[in-house]
Amino acid sequence: MARRPRRNHAPAFKAKVALEAMKEEQTLVELSQKFDVHQNQIVKWKKELLSRAQEIFTDGKQETQVNVKDLHAKIGELTLENDFLSVALGHVQGSSAKK
């Protein structure tokens, strides 16, 4: 028997199969035949759906935590650079104006 080439399923298809498995209206064997996917794969997708379902309802604000001290340090560094460059630019413009 020849091996079937590896298939890559779209995320939408995986979600559809996992949701059908969550409903438990059909057995794994029936779902496997219906979607032409191995039973173990359906169980895996169902577990992944259950474990990652909370990600849907999390705020994006909670994902990124900002270190305020680092930001203040960076602001001070950039302010110092701007002051230095504005003085240096003033010297360059002043010398060209004297010529």
N, C-alpha and C. Protein backbone atom coordinates (compact mmCIF):
# COMPACT_ATOMS: atom_id res chain seq x y z
N MET A 1 0.84 -1.17 0.00
CA MET A 1 0.00 0.00 0.00
C MET A 1 0.89 1.24 0.00
N ALA A 2 0.64 2.15 -0.90
CA ALA A 2 1.44 3.37 -1.01
C ALA A 2 1.03 4.36 0.06
N ARG A 3 2.03 5.08 0.55
CA ARG A 3 1.75 6.09 1.57
C ARG A 3 1.17 7.33 0.93
N ARG A 4 0.22 7.90 1.60
CA ARG A 4 -0.40 9.13 1.14
C ARG A 4 0.54 10.28 1.50
N PRO A 5 0.71 11.25 0.61
CA PRO A 5 1.59 12.38 0.94
C PRO A 5 1.03 13.19 2.12
N ARG A 6 1.94 13.81 2.84
CA ARG A 6 1.55 14.61 4.00
C ARG A 6 0.66 15.76 3.56
N ARG A 7 -0.42 15.96 4.31
CA ARG A 7 -1.35 17.03 3.99
C ARG A 7 -1.24 18.14 5.02
N ASN A 8 -1.37 19.36 4.57
CA ASN A 8 -1.41 20.51 5.46
C ASN A 8 -2.82 21.06 5.45
N HIS A 9 -3.43 21.07 6.62
CA HIS A 9 -4.81 21.54 6.73
C HIS A 9 -4.83 23.01 7.12
N ALA A 10 -5.78 23.73 6.58
CA ALA A 10 -5.95 25.15 6.90
C ALA A 10 -6.46 25.29 8.33
N PRO A 11 -6.10 26.39 8.99
CA PRO A 11 -6.59 26.61 10.35
C PRO A 11 -8.12 26.60 10.46
N ALA A 12 -8.80 27.09 9.43
CA ALA A 12 -10.27 27.09 9.46
C ALA A 12 -10.81 25.66 9.46
N PHE A 13 -10.17 24.79 8.70
CA PHE A 13 -10.60 23.39 8.66
C PHE A 13 -10.37 22.72 10.02
N LYS A 14 -9.21 22.98 10.63
CA LYS A 14 -8.90 22.41 11.94
C LYS A 14 -9.92 22.87 12.98
N ALA A 15 -10.26 24.14 12.93
CA ALA A 15 -11.24 24.69 13.88
C ALA A 15 -12.61 24.04 13.68
N LYS A 16 -12.98 23.87 12.42
CA LYS A 16 -14.28 23.26 12.12
C LYS A 16 -14.35 21.83 12.66
N VAL A 17 -13.29 21.06 12.44
CA VAL A 17 -13.26 19.68 12.90
C VAL A 17 -13.26 19.63 14.43
N ALA A 18 -12.45 20.50 15.06
CA ALA A 18 -12.36 20.52 16.52
C ALA A 18 -13.70 20.91 17.14
N LEU A 19 -14.39 21.86 16.54
CA LEU A 19 -15.69 22.27 17.06
C LEU A 19 -16.72 21.15 16.92
N GLU A 20 -16.66 20.44 15.81
CA GLU A 20 -17.56 19.29 15.64
C GLU A 20 -17.28 18.24 16.70
N ALA A 21 -16.01 18.04 17.02
CA ALA A 21 -15.66 17.07 18.06
C ALA A 21 -16.13 17.55 19.42
N MET A 22 -16.10 18.85 19.65
CA MET A 22 -16.56 19.41 20.93
C MET A 22 -18.06 19.19 21.12
N LYS A 23 -18.81 19.23 20.05
CA LYS A 23 -20.27 19.05 20.14
C LYS A 23 -20.63 17.64 20.62
N GLU A 24 -19.78 16.68 20.32
CA GLU A 24 -19.98 15.28 20.68
C GLU A 24 -21.31 14.72 20.16
N GLU A 25 -21.74 15.18 19.01
CA GLU A 25 -22.95 14.64 18.38
C GLU A 25 -22.62 13.40 17.56
N GLN A 26 -21.33 13.29 17.17
CA GLN A 26 -20.88 12.14 16.39
C GLN A 26 -19.66 11.54 17.08
N THR A 27 -19.43 10.27 16.81
CA THR A 27 -18.26 9.62 17.40
C THR A 27 -17.01 10.02 16.63
N LEU A 28 -15.85 9.72 17.22
CA LEU A 28 -14.59 10.02 16.55
C LEU A 28 -14.47 9.28 15.23
N VAL A 29 -14.97 8.06 15.20
CA VAL A 29 -14.92 7.27 13.97
C VAL A 29 -15.74 7.96 12.87
N GLU A 30 -16.93 8.43 13.23
CA GLU A 30 -17.78 9.11 12.25
C GLU A 30 -17.14 10.41 11.76
N LEU A 31 -16.58 11.17 12.70
CA LEU A 31 -15.90 12.41 12.31
C LEU A 31 -14.68 12.12 11.44
N SER A 32 -13.96 11.07 11.77
CA SER A 32 -12.79 10.69 11.01
C SER A 32 -13.16 10.35 9.56
N GLN A 33 -14.25 9.64 9.40
CA GLN A 33 -14.70 9.30 8.05
C GLN A 33 -15.27 10.51 7.32
N LYS A 34 -15.98 11.34 8.04
CA LYS A 34 -16.60 12.52 7.45
C LYS A 34 -15.55 13.50 6.91
N PHE A 35 -14.50 13.75 7.70
CA PHE A 35 -13.51 14.76 7.32
C PHE A 35 -12.23 14.16 6.74
N ASP A 36 -12.16 12.82 6.67
CA ASP A 36 -11.00 12.11 6.13
C ASP A 36 -9.72 12.51 6.87
N VAL A 37 -9.82 12.45 8.21
CA VAL A 37 -8.70 12.77 9.09
C VAL A 37 -8.63 11.67 10.14
N HIS A 38 -7.41 11.33 10.56
CA HIS A 38 -7.25 10.28 11.56
C HIS A 38 -7.83 10.73 12.90
N GLN A 39 -8.33 9.75 13.65
CA GLN A 39 -8.97 10.04 14.94
C GLN A 39 -8.01 10.72 15.92
N ASN A 40 -6.76 10.31 15.92
CA ASN A 40 -5.78 10.92 16.82
C ASN A 40 -5.58 12.41 16.50
N GLN A 41 -5.64 12.74 15.22
CA GLN A 41 -5.49 14.14 14.81
C GLN A 41 -6.67 14.97 15.31
N ILE A 42 -7.86 14.41 15.26
CA ILE A 42 -9.05 15.12 15.75
C ILE A 42 -8.92 15.37 17.26
N VAL A 43 -8.47 14.36 18.00
CA VAL A 43 -8.29 14.51 19.44
C VAL A 43 -7.25 15.59 19.73
N LYS A 44 -6.17 15.60 18.97
CA LYS A 44 -5.11 16.61 19.15
C LYS A 44 -5.65 18.01 18.91
N TRP A 45 -6.40 18.20 17.83
CA TRP A 45 -6.95 19.53 17.51
C TRP A 45 -7.95 19.96 18.57
N LYS A 46 -8.73 19.03 19.08
CA LYS A 46 -9.70 19.35 20.12
C LYS A 46 -9.00 19.81 21.40
N LYS A 47 -7.94 19.11 21.79
CA LYS A 47 -7.16 19.50 22.98
C LYS A 47 -6.53 20.88 22.78
N GLU A 48 -6.01 21.12 21.60
CA GLU A 48 -5.39 22.42 21.32
C GLU A 48 -6.42 23.54 21.38
N LEU A 49 -7.61 23.29 20.86
CA LEU A 49 -8.68 24.28 20.92
C LEU A 49 -9.03 24.60 22.37
N LEU A 50 -9.15 23.58 23.18
CA LEU A 50 -9.49 23.79 24.59
C LEU A 50 -8.38 24.53 25.34
N SER A 51 -7.15 24.21 25.06
CA SER A 51 -6.04 24.83 25.80
C SER A 51 -5.79 26.26 25.37
N ARG A 52 -6.10 26.61 24.13
CA ARG A 52 -5.81 27.95 23.63
C ARG A 52 -7.05 28.82 23.48
N ALA A 53 -8.19 28.37 23.95
CA ALA A 53 -9.43 29.13 23.82
C ALA A 53 -9.37 30.45 24.59
N GLN A 54 -8.65 30.49 25.70
CA GLN A 54 -8.57 31.71 26.50
C GLN A 54 -7.85 32.83 25.76
N GLU A 55 -7.00 32.52 24.80
CA GLU A 55 -6.28 33.54 24.04
C GLU A 55 -7.23 34.44 23.25
N ILE A 56 -8.38 33.92 22.90
CA ILE A 56 -9.35 34.68 22.12
C ILE A 56 -9.87 35.87 22.91
N PHE A 57 -10.01 35.69 24.22
CA PHE A 57 -10.66 36.69 25.05
C PHE A 57 -9.69 37.57 25.83
N THR A 58 -8.39 37.43 25.61
CA THR A 58 -7.43 38.27 26.33
C THR A 58 -7.26 39.59 25.61
N ASP A 59 -7.03 40.64 26.41
CA ASP A 59 -6.76 41.96 25.84
C ASP A 59 -5.34 41.99 25.30
N GLY A 60 -5.15 42.72 24.22
CA GLY A 60 -3.81 42.90 23.69
C GLY A 60 -2.95 43.71 24.63
N LYS A 61 -3.57 44.52 25.49
CA LYS A 61 -2.84 45.35 26.44
C LYS A 61 -2.13 44.48 27.48
N GLN A 62 -2.69 43.35 27.82
CA GLN A 62 -2.09 42.49 28.81
C GLN A 62 -0.88 41.77 28.26
N GLU A 63 -0.82 41.61 26.97
CA GLU A 63 0.27 40.87 26.35
C GLU A 63 1.59 41.62 26.44
N THR A 64 1.57 42.93 26.28
CA THR A 64 2.80 43.70 26.28
C THR A 64 2.91 44.47 27.58
N GLN A 65 3.90 44.13 28.36
CA GLN A 65 4.16 44.85 29.59
C GLN A 65 5.37 45.76 29.34
N VAL A 66 5.21 47.04 29.60
CA VAL A 66 6.22 48.03 29.31
C VAL A 66 6.96 48.38 30.59
N ASN A 67 8.28 48.42 30.49
CA ASN A 67 9.09 48.84 31.62
C ASN A 67 9.26 50.36 31.53
N VAL A 68 8.61 51.08 32.42
CA VAL A 68 8.58 52.55 32.37
C VAL A 68 9.96 53.13 32.61
N LYS A 69 10.73 52.52 33.48
CA LYS A 69 12.08 53.02 33.76
C LYS A 69 12.95 52.99 32.51
N ASP A 70 12.85 51.91 31.75
CA ASP A 70 13.63 51.82 30.51
C ASP A 70 13.21 52.89 29.52
N LEU A 71 11.90 53.15 29.45
CA LEU A 71 11.43 54.17 28.53
C LEU A 71 11.90 55.56 28.93
N HIS A 72 11.88 55.86 30.23
CA HIS A 72 12.36 57.16 30.70
C HIS A 72 13.86 57.31 30.42
N ALA A 73 14.62 56.25 30.59
CA ALA A 73 16.05 56.29 30.29
C ALA A 73 16.28 56.56 28.81
N LYS A 74 15.50 55.92 27.96
CA LYS A 74 15.64 56.12 26.51
C LYS A 74 15.26 57.55 26.12
N ILE A 75 14.23 58.10 26.75
CA ILE A 75 13.82 59.49 26.48
C ILE A 75 14.95 60.44 26.86
N GLY A 76 15.56 60.21 28.02
CA GLY A 76 16.68 61.06 28.44
C GLY A 76 17.85 60.97 27.49
N GLU A 77 18.15 59.77 27.03
CA GLU A 77 19.25 59.56 26.08
C GLU A 77 18.98 60.30 24.77
N LEU A 78 17.77 60.19 24.25
CA LEU A 78 17.43 60.84 23.00
C LEU A 78 17.39 62.36 23.14
N THR A 79 16.94 62.85 24.28
CA THR A 79 16.94 64.29 24.53
C THR A 79 18.37 64.82 24.54
N LEU A 80 19.28 64.11 25.18
CA LEU A 80 20.68 64.49 25.23
C LEU A 80 21.28 64.51 23.83
N GLU A 81 20.97 63.50 23.03
CA GLU A 81 21.45 63.45 21.64
C GLU A 81 20.92 64.64 20.84
N ASN A 82 19.64 64.94 20.98
CA ASN A 82 19.05 66.06 20.25
C ASN A 82 19.70 67.39 20.63
N ASP A 83 19.93 67.59 21.92
CA ASP A 83 20.59 68.81 22.37
C ASP A 83 21.99 68.92 21.78
N PHE A 84 22.74 67.83 21.83
CA PHE A 84 24.10 67.84 21.30
C PHE A 84 24.10 68.14 19.80
N LEU A 85 23.21 67.47 19.07
CA LEU A 85 23.18 67.66 17.62
C LEU A 85 22.69 69.05 17.24
N SER A 86 21.77 69.61 18.00
CA SER A 86 21.31 70.97 17.68
C SER A 86 22.42 71.99 17.90
N VAL A 87 23.23 71.80 18.96
CA VAL A 87 24.37 72.69 19.20
C VAL A 87 25.40 72.50 18.10
N ALA A 88 25.70 71.26 17.72
CA ALA A 88 26.67 70.99 16.68
C ALA A 88 26.20 71.56 15.34
N LEU A 89 24.94 71.45 15.07
CA LEU A 89 24.38 71.98 13.82
C LEU A 89 24.45 73.50 13.83
N GLY A 90 24.24 74.11 14.98
CA GLY A 90 24.34 75.56 15.10
C GLY A 90 25.76 76.02 14.82
N HIS A 91 26.76 75.29 15.27
CA HIS A 91 28.15 75.63 15.00
C HIS A 91 28.46 75.51 13.52
N VAL A 92 27.95 74.46 12.87
CA VAL A 92 28.20 74.26 11.45
C VAL A 92 27.52 75.35 10.64
N GLN A 93 26.29 75.69 10.95
CA GLN A 93 25.56 76.71 10.21
C GLN A 93 26.19 78.09 10.47
N GLY A 94 26.67 78.35 11.69
CA GLY A 94 27.28 79.61 12.03
C GLY A 94 28.59 79.83 11.30
N SER A 95 29.40 78.79 11.12
CA SER A 95 30.67 78.94 10.43
C SER A 95 30.46 79.15 8.95
N SER A 96 29.44 78.55 8.36
CA SER A 96 29.19 78.75 6.94
C SER A 96 28.61 80.14 6.68
N ALA A 97 27.95 80.71 7.67
CA ALA A 97 27.36 82.04 7.50
C ALA A 97 28.45 83.12 7.55
N LYS A 98 29.56 82.87 8.24
CA LYS A 98 30.62 83.84 8.35
C LYS A 98 31.44 83.97 7.06
N LYS A 99 31.46 82.95 6.22
CA LYS A 99 32.26 82.96 5.00
C LYS A 99 31.75 83.89 3.97
